[in-house]
Amino acid sequence: MQNKQVYIFLTDTGTLFTRMIKLYTKSTLNHASIAFDEELNEMYSFGRKNVRNPFIGGFVKEDIHTELFKEAKCAIYSCTVTEFEYYQLKRNIKKIELSERDYKYNLIGLLGVVLNIEIERKNAFFCSQFVATLLSNNGISLVDKPLSLVTPQDLSEAKQLKLIYEGDLDSYPAVKLREGNCTPHSYIDNTVNYLITKKSRTKATFLSAYHKVRAFM
C-alpha cells in the first residue's frame, strides 16, 4: 500500500484566539490546520467563521487567500500516513462537514491550556486540539500529552513531522507555482530555499544547479 502525505500548517493569524495561546506558549506561530495537499487547497481547522468577528468560531475549511492569512508567516510540516489512514482522515472530515452546526470553538478549552487544566467539551475544539485529535482518532499519535492541552508548539516538535517550509506564506513555492504570479528569479530563489528547508541530502547539488541557472537569467 502506497504512503501518502498530510500537511500540518502553523501560522500566526493575529486573532483573539491565537493571541490567547501566545500568552501561554510565547511562540510566534499559534494557529494550526491540517491539509491534504501540498498546495493547501484542502485545509481545515477550528477558528473564525467570520474574519471580522472573532467571537463566532467553529469548524472551518480555510482559504489561504483570505484576509486572515494576508502577509502571514508560517511553518509547514509533512506527515507520512498510509493510504488507508489518509482516506480515513478525509472521511472523518466529511462527517464533521455534514454536521458542521453541531461543532463549536472550544474557547473555554484555551483557558484550560493556560491553566494546565484538561477541559474537554463534546464537539468543541480549538485549532491544535482538533488537529491532534483528528490524527489520534486514526491511530496517528503526535504528542504524549492530553489532546485538550496540545498547542501548535507541541505539534511543531512532534518527531513524526518533517519541516518542509518556513517563512512568508506568499513566498511558499507550491502556492506561487499554482498562482503563476512570481518572477523566474523569485520562483527559483523560493524553490531552492524550500528544498534546503527540507534538509535534502542533495543540498549541494541543488545549490550548484541554482547558481548555474541563475547566471543565465
Protein backbone atom coordinates (compact mmCIF):
# COMPACT_ATOMS: atom_id res chain seq x y z
CA MET A 1 0.00 0.00 0.00
CA GLN A 2 1.42 3.37 -1.05
CA ASN A 3 2.08 6.01 1.60
CA LYS A 4 0.66 9.49 1.30
CA GLN A 5 1.28 12.86 2.94
CA VAL A 6 -0.85 15.17 5.03
CA TYR A 7 0.38 18.62 5.97
CA ILE A 8 0.33 20.46 9.28
CA PHE A 9 0.16 24.21 8.69
CA LEU A 10 1.18 26.54 11.52
CA THR A 11 0.75 30.28 11.27
CA ASP A 12 0.05 33.44 13.22
CA THR A 13 -3.34 34.79 12.16
CA GLY A 14 -3.34 37.52 14.79
CA THR A 15 -6.81 36.61 16.03
CA LEU A 16 -8.04 36.86 19.61
CA PHE A 17 -7.74 33.08 19.93
CA THR A 18 -4.14 32.90 18.74
CA ARG A 19 -3.14 35.84 20.93
CA MET A 20 -4.53 33.97 23.94
CA ILE A 21 -2.43 30.91 23.08
CA LYS A 22 0.62 33.11 22.53
CA LEU A 23 0.38 34.42 26.09
CA TYR A 24 0.99 30.87 27.24
CA THR A 25 3.29 29.41 24.58
CA LYS A 26 5.39 32.52 23.83
CA SER A 27 5.58 31.09 20.31
CA THR A 28 5.13 33.15 17.14
CA LEU A 29 3.00 30.55 15.31
CA ASN A 30 -0.17 29.84 17.21
CA HIS A 31 -2.76 28.60 14.74
CA ALA A 32 -2.77 25.01 13.44
CA SER A 33 -4.52 23.47 10.45
CA ILE A 34 -4.38 20.18 8.58
CA ALA A 35 -4.19 19.99 4.78
CA PHE A 36 -4.47 17.10 2.36
CA ASP A 37 -2.38 18.58 -0.44
CA GLU A 38 0.93 20.42 -0.63
CA GLU A 39 -0.72 23.44 -2.27
CA LEU A 40 -3.00 23.84 0.79
CA ASN A 41 -6.16 23.82 -1.32
CA GLU A 42 -7.93 21.42 1.02
CA MET A 43 -7.18 22.66 4.52
CA TYR A 44 -9.25 22.51 7.72
CA SER A 45 -9.16 23.76 11.27
CA PHE A 46 -11.22 25.29 14.07
CA GLY A 47 -11.22 29.07 14.16
CA ARG A 48 -13.10 32.13 12.97
CA LYS A 49 -16.13 31.61 10.78
CA ASN A 50 -16.18 35.32 10.02
CA VAL A 51 -12.88 37.18 9.56
CA ARG A 52 -14.35 40.32 11.10
CA ASN A 53 -15.97 38.63 14.09
CA PRO A 54 -13.55 36.87 16.48
CA PHE A 55 -16.35 35.52 18.67
CA ILE A 56 -18.05 33.32 16.07
CA GLY A 57 -15.89 30.24 15.69
CA GLY A 58 -16.10 26.59 14.81
CA PHE A 59 -15.09 24.09 12.14
CA VAL A 60 -13.79 25.83 9.02
CA LYS A 61 -12.42 24.97 5.61
CA GLU A 62 -9.68 27.53 5.26
CA ASP A 63 -8.63 29.55 2.24
CA ILE A 64 -5.07 30.89 2.37
CA HIS A 65 -6.05 33.73 0.04
CA THR A 66 -8.40 35.39 2.52
CA GLU A 67 -7.59 38.43 4.62
CA LEU A 68 -6.96 36.17 7.62
CA PHE A 69 -3.72 34.90 6.09
CA LYS A 70 -2.61 38.10 4.42
CA GLU A 71 1.14 38.66 4.97
CA ALA A 72 1.21 35.65 7.32
CA LYS A 73 4.35 33.91 8.50
CA CYS A 74 4.05 30.14 8.53
CA ALA A 75 5.70 26.77 9.00
CA ILE A 76 4.54 23.76 7.01
CA TYR A 77 5.20 20.18 8.06
CA SER A 78 4.57 16.92 6.23
CA CYS A 79 3.37 13.77 7.95
CA THR A 80 3.62 10.38 6.26
CA VAL A 81 0.49 8.23 6.58
CA THR A 82 -0.75 5.08 4.92
CA GLU A 83 -3.22 5.30 2.08
CA PHE A 84 -5.89 3.85 4.37
CA GLU A 85 -5.17 6.43 7.08
CA TYR A 86 -5.22 9.24 4.51
CA TYR A 87 -8.69 8.41 3.22
CA GLN A 88 -9.96 7.63 6.71
CA LEU A 89 -8.90 11.14 7.79
CA LYS A 90 -10.76 12.60 4.81
CA ARG A 91 -13.86 10.57 5.63
CA ASN A 92 -13.79 11.89 9.19
CA ILE A 93 -13.50 15.45 7.89
CA LYS A 94 -16.51 14.82 5.67
CA LYS A 95 -18.53 13.60 8.66
CA ILE A 96 -17.74 16.81 10.51
CA GLU A 97 -18.67 18.91 7.46
CA LEU A 98 -22.05 17.20 7.22
CA SER A 99 -22.87 18.09 10.84
CA GLU A 100 -20.88 21.32 10.99
CA ARG A 101 -23.50 23.16 13.04
CA ASP A 102 -23.01 20.71 15.91
CA TYR A 103 -19.37 21.74 16.32
CA LYS A 104 -18.16 24.76 18.30
CA TYR A 105 -14.91 26.50 19.05
CA ASN A 106 -13.52 25.41 22.41
CA LEU A 107 -12.74 28.84 23.85
CA ILE A 108 -13.03 27.54 27.41
CA GLY A 109 -10.53 24.84 26.48
CA LEU A 110 -7.98 27.54 25.65
CA LEU A 111 -8.26 28.80 29.21
CA GLY A 112 -7.59 25.23 30.30
CA VAL A 113 -4.35 25.24 28.28
CA VAL A 114 -3.20 28.41 30.01
CA LEU A 115 -4.07 26.96 33.44
CA ASN A 116 -2.85 23.45 32.50
CA ILE A 117 -6.29 22.01 33.26
CA GLU A 118 -7.91 19.49 30.93
CA ILE A 119 -11.23 20.86 29.70
CA GLU A 120 -12.98 18.62 27.19
CA ARG A 121 -16.32 19.51 25.64
CA LYS A 122 -18.37 17.42 23.25
CA ASN A 123 -17.85 18.50 19.63
CA ALA A 124 -15.79 21.52 20.70
CA PHE A 125 -12.16 22.08 19.74
CA PHE A 126 -9.55 24.75 19.40
CA CYS A 127 -7.24 24.51 16.40
CA SER A 128 -4.33 22.37 17.65
CA GLN A 129 -6.66 20.20 19.72
CA PHE A 130 -8.63 19.47 16.56
CA VAL A 131 -5.55 18.55 14.51
CA ALA A 132 -4.12 16.31 17.24
CA THR A 133 -7.49 14.66 17.92
CA LEU A 134 -8.24 14.00 14.24
CA LEU A 135 -4.88 12.30 13.79
CA SER A 136 -5.08 10.42 17.11
CA ASN A 137 -8.54 9.05 16.30
CA ASN A 138 -6.99 7.50 13.20
CA GLY A 139 -4.08 5.90 15.04
CA ILE A 140 -1.56 8.70 14.44
CA SER A 141 -0.30 9.96 17.79
CA LEU A 142 1.93 13.04 17.58
CA VAL A 143 2.24 14.11 21.20
CA ASP A 144 2.45 12.41 24.56
CA LYS A 145 0.04 14.62 26.47
CA PRO A 146 -3.74 15.09 26.81
CA LEU A 147 -5.23 16.21 23.50
CA SER A 148 -7.11 19.03 25.24
CA LEU A 149 -3.74 20.57 26.18
CA VAL A 150 -1.97 20.27 22.83
CA THR A 151 -0.60 23.55 21.46
CA PRO A 152 0.70 24.40 17.97
CA GLN A 153 4.18 24.46 19.52
CA ASP A 154 3.70 20.83 20.63
CA LEU A 155 2.82 19.87 17.06
CA SER A 156 5.93 21.57 15.69
CA GLU A 157 8.07 19.43 18.00
CA ALA A 158 6.49 16.10 17.01
CA LYS A 159 9.11 13.66 15.74
CA GLN A 160 6.73 12.29 13.10
CA LEU A 161 6.56 15.65 11.33
CA LYS A 162 9.08 16.93 8.81
CA LEU A 163 9.51 20.66 8.25
CA ILE A 164 9.22 21.43 4.54
CA TYR A 165 8.85 25.21 4.57
CA GLU A 166 9.18 28.13 6.94
CA GLY A 167 8.74 31.80 6.05
CA ASP A 168 6.25 34.12 4.37
CA LEU A 169 3.15 32.28 3.17
CA ASP A 170 3.03 34.29 -0.05
CA SER A 171 6.54 33.00 -0.88
CA TYR A 172 5.70 29.32 -0.37
CA PRO A 173 6.75 27.73 -3.71
CA ALA A 174 3.81 25.32 -4.00
CA VAL A 175 1.41 28.27 -3.77
CA LYS A 176 3.46 30.54 -6.05
CA LEU A 177 3.63 27.87 -8.74
CA ARG A 178 -0.14 27.30 -8.60
CA GLU A 179 -0.88 31.01 -8.89
CA GLY A 180 1.70 31.66 -11.56
CA ASN A 181 2.34 35.14 -10.19
CA CYS A 182 6.06 35.09 -9.41
CA THR A 183 9.08 36.08 -11.48
CA PRO A 184 11.57 33.43 -12.65
CA HIS A 185 14.19 34.76 -10.23
CA SER A 186 11.89 34.80 -7.22
CA TYR A 187 10.47 31.38 -8.01
CA ILE A 188 13.92 29.81 -8.25
CA ASP A 189 15.02 31.57 -5.05
CA ASN A 190 11.96 30.38 -3.18
CA THR A 191 12.22 26.85 -4.53
CA VAL A 192 15.87 26.49 -3.52
CA ASN A 193 15.08 27.77 -0.02
CA TYR A 194 12.18 25.32 0.08
CA LEU A 195 14.41 22.38 -0.86
CA ILE A 196 17.09 23.42 1.63
CA THR A 197 14.46 23.70 4.37
CA LYS A 198 13.51 20.11 3.59
CA LYS A 199 17.07 19.26 4.65
CA SER A 200 17.67 17.42 1.41
CA ARG A 201 20.73 15.21 1.27
CA THR A 202 21.49 16.73 -2.13
CA LYS A 203 21.63 20.30 -0.86
CA ALA A 204 25.00 20.95 -2.54
CA THR A 205 23.65 19.70 -5.87
CA PHE A 206 20.66 22.00 -5.67
CA LEU A 207 22.83 24.99 -4.79
CA SER A 208 25.21 24.28 -7.67
CA ALA A 209 22.37 23.95 -10.18
CA TYR A 210 20.71 27.04 -8.78
CA HIS A 211 23.76 29.25 -9.33
CA LYS A 212 24.28 27.92 -12.87
CA VAL A 213 20.65 28.56 -13.87
CA ARG A 214 20.61 31.97 -12.19
CA ALA A 215 23.68 33.05 -14.16
CA PHE A 216 21.83 32.64 -17.44
CA MET A 217 18.76 34.67 -16.39
